[in-house]
Structures are given as structure tokens and as C-alpha cells.
Amino acid sequence: MTSIVVFMSIILAVVAGITALVVVGMEGRLRARAPRLSDTMARAAQHLNGDGQPPRRPRAPALLSAPRAGSRAFSGHRAAPPPPLG
């Protein structure tokens, strides 16, 4: 019984999202009250219809990017061993 309620809630949430997409994005309602939301929904509607421009490629942050070929990580040298204890 609980699983039926959970899945029905998920289905109703999806239906509400699609309805909001159609009403706000495609028909342009609520543009005066929420222009940013309306523009985002319109762009999402264009993508779902296959009319939107492909998104630009995201750039990786500097901490996540791979080291360059000339850096010390690829130089083939090992790090110095730690000093002996005691």
C-alpha cells in the first residue's frame, strides 16, 4: 500500500512539472510575474521539442583538471623518500 502511494506521488509530481512547463514555458503565461522562470521553462520546452541550441561544454574547475604533460606529475621522477624515524 505504501509503495502505491509513493509511486502515485511521483507520477503526480511529474504530471505537475510537465503542466508547469507547458503553461509557463510554451504558452508564456506568468511572464510578467516570473520572467526568469518563464525564460528557463521556454528554453527547456525548446530543447524538449528539439529546437534548442546545444549547451556549451562546461569547463572543469582548476582543481579537477588533469595535470599537463610537462608538469612534474608526468616527468618520471619519483618523490624523495621520507626521512627515517628516530
C-alpha atoms as a PDB file:
ATOM      1  CA  MET A   1       0.000   0.000   0.000  1.00  0.00           C
ATOM      2  CA  THR A   2       2.798   2.413   0.865  1.00  0.00           C
ATOM      3  CA  SER A   3       4.604   1.769  -2.409  1.00  0.00           C
ATOM      4  CA  ILE A   4       1.429   2.596  -4.351  1.00  0.00           C
ATOM      5  CA  VAL A   5       1.157   5.951  -2.568  1.00  0.00           C
ATOM      6  CA  VAL A   6       4.837   6.735  -3.197  1.00  0.00           C
ATOM      7  CA  PHE A   7       4.684   5.871  -6.901  1.00  0.00           C
ATOM      8  CA  MET A   8       1.415   7.771  -7.367  1.00  0.00           C
ATOM      9  CA  SER A   9       3.006  10.821  -5.706  1.00  0.00           C
ATOM     10  CA  ILE A  10       5.963  10.579  -8.087  1.00  0.00           C
ATOM     11  CA  ILE A  11       3.653  10.299 -11.085  1.00  0.00           C
ATOM     12  CA  LEU A  12       1.608  13.298  -9.930  1.00  0.00           C
ATOM     13  CA  ALA A  13       4.805  15.336  -9.442  1.00  0.00           C
ATOM     14  CA  VAL A  14       5.913  14.513 -12.999  1.00  0.00           C
ATOM     15  CA  VAL A  15       2.488  15.497 -14.351  1.00  0.00           C
ATOM     16  CA  ALA A  16       2.603  18.773 -12.412  1.00  0.00           C
ATOM     17  CA  GLY A  17       6.083  19.509 -13.785  1.00  0.00           C
ATOM     18  CA  ILE A  18       5.029  18.864 -17.370  1.00  0.00           C
ATOM     19  CA  THR A  19       1.930  21.017 -16.897  1.00  0.00           C
ATOM     20  CA  ALA A  20       4.063  23.840 -15.495  1.00  0.00           C
ATOM     21  CA  LEU A  21       6.434  23.503 -18.433  1.00  0.00           C
ATOM     22  CA  VAL A  22       3.603  23.809 -20.926  1.00  0.00           C
ATOM     23  CA  VAL A  23       1.774  26.638 -19.171  1.00  0.00           C
ATOM     24  CA  VAL A  24       4.765  28.777 -18.242  1.00  0.00           C
ATOM     25  CA  GLY A  25       7.224  27.911 -20.994  1.00  0.00           C
ATOM     26  CA  MET A  26       5.310  27.269 -24.157  1.00  0.00           C
ATOM     27  CA  GLU A  27       2.287  29.496 -23.647  1.00  0.00           C
ATOM     28  CA  GLY A  28       4.215  32.324 -21.993  1.00  0.00           C
ATOM     29  CA  ARG A  29       1.853  32.761 -19.056  1.00  0.00           C
ATOM     30  CA  LEU A  30       3.229  34.347 -15.891  1.00  0.00           C
ATOM     31  CA  ARG A  31       5.961  36.092 -17.901  1.00  0.00           C
ATOM     32  CA  ALA A  32       5.248  39.380 -16.120  1.00  0.00           C
ATOM     33  CA  ARG A  33       5.377  37.812 -12.649  1.00  0.00           C
ATOM     34  CA  ALA A  34       8.346  35.487 -13.105  1.00  0.00           C
ATOM     35  CA  PRO A  35      10.348  36.390 -16.229  1.00  0.00           C
ATOM     36  CA  ARG A  36      13.401  34.356 -15.272  1.00  0.00           C
ATOM     37  CA  LEU A  37      11.360  31.206 -14.644  1.00  0.00           C
ATOM     38  CA  SER A  38       9.422  31.788 -17.836  1.00  0.00           C
ATOM     39  CA  ASP A  39      12.614  32.124 -19.891  1.00  0.00           C
ATOM     40  CA  THR A  40      14.101  28.980 -18.335  1.00  0.00           C
ATOM     41  CA  MET A  41      10.936  26.993 -18.976  1.00  0.00           C
ATOM     42  CA  ALA A  42      10.729  28.269 -22.556  1.00  0.00           C
ATOM     43  CA  ARG A  43      14.326  27.186 -23.169  1.00  0.00           C
ATOM     44  CA  ALA A  44      13.575  23.756 -21.662  1.00  0.00           C
ATOM     45  CA  ALA A  45      10.493  23.444 -23.869  1.00  0.00           C
ATOM     46  CA  GLN A  46      12.588  24.275 -26.941  1.00  0.00           C
ATOM     47  CA  HIS A  47      15.099  21.580 -26.005  1.00  0.00           C
ATOM     48  CA  LEU A  48      12.339  19.020 -25.477  1.00  0.00           C
ATOM     49  CA  ASN A  49      10.951  19.877 -28.923  1.00  0.00           C
ATOM     50  CA  GLY A  50      14.412  19.541 -30.457  1.00  0.00           C
ATOM     51  CA  ASP A  51      14.612  23.224 -31.409  1.00  0.00           C
ATOM     52  CA  GLY A  52      17.103  24.436 -28.790  1.00  0.00           C
ATOM     53  CA  GLN A  53      20.794  25.106 -29.259  1.00  0.00           C
ATOM     54  CA  PRO A  54      23.113  22.538 -27.675  1.00  0.00           C
ATOM     55  CA  PRO A  55      24.543  23.717 -24.367  1.00  0.00           C
ATOM     56  CA  ARG A  56      28.137  24.880 -24.314  1.00  0.00           C
ATOM     57  CA  ARG A  57      30.672  22.490 -22.906  1.00  0.00           C
ATOM     58  CA  PRO A  58      31.262  23.049 -19.184  1.00  0.00           C
ATOM     59  CA  ARG A  59      34.793  23.888 -18.151  1.00  0.00           C
ATOM     60  CA  ALA A  60      36.366  21.781 -15.439  1.00  0.00           C
ATOM     61  CA  PRO A  61      37.469  23.661 -12.327  1.00  0.00           C
ATOM     62  CA  ALA A  62      41.225  24.019 -11.894  1.00  0.00           C
ATOM     63  CA  LEU A  63      41.292  21.547  -9.010  1.00  0.00           C
ATOM     64  CA  LEU A  64      39.624  18.813 -11.054  1.00  0.00           C
ATOM     65  CA  SER A  65      41.517  19.259 -14.304  1.00  0.00           C
ATOM     66  CA  ALA A  66      44.220  16.775 -15.262  1.00  0.00           C
ATOM     67  CA  PRO A  67      47.872  17.807 -14.918  1.00  0.00           C
ATOM     68  CA  ARG A  68      49.623  18.987 -18.068  1.00  0.00           C
ATOM     69  CA  ALA A  69      52.092  16.777 -19.908  1.00  0.00           C
ATOM     70  CA  GLY A  70      55.072  18.952 -18.928  1.00  0.00           C
ATOM     71  CA  SER A  71      54.285  19.006 -15.229  1.00  0.00           C
ATOM     72  CA  ARG A  72      56.247  17.094 -12.597  1.00  0.00           C
ATOM     73  CA  ALA A  73      53.488  14.504 -12.304  1.00  0.00           C
ATOM     74  CA  PHE A  74      54.464  13.127 -15.718  1.00  0.00           C
ATOM     75  CA  SER A  75      58.211  13.724 -15.562  1.00  0.00           C
ATOM     76  CA  GLY A  76      59.038  10.176 -14.481  1.00  0.00           C
ATOM     77  CA  HIS A  77      60.880  11.272 -11.317  1.00  0.00           C
ATOM     78  CA  ARG A  78      59.897   9.797  -8.026  1.00  0.00           C
ATOM     79  CA  ALA A  79      59.400  11.873  -4.949  1.00  0.00           C
ATOM     80  CA  ALA A  80      62.136  11.785  -2.333  1.00  0.00           C
ATOM     81  CA  PRO A  81      61.617   9.088   0.315  1.00  0.00           C
ATOM     82  CA  PRO A  82      60.541  10.305   3.745  1.00  0.00           C
ATOM     83  CA  PRO A  83      63.296  10.818   6.330  1.00  0.00           C
ATOM     84  CA  PRO A  84      63.952   7.868   8.659  1.00  0.00           C
ATOM     85  CA  LEU A  85      62.208   7.901  12.006  1.00  0.00           C
ATOM     86  CA  GLY A  86      64.267   8.300  15.162  1.00  0.00           C
END
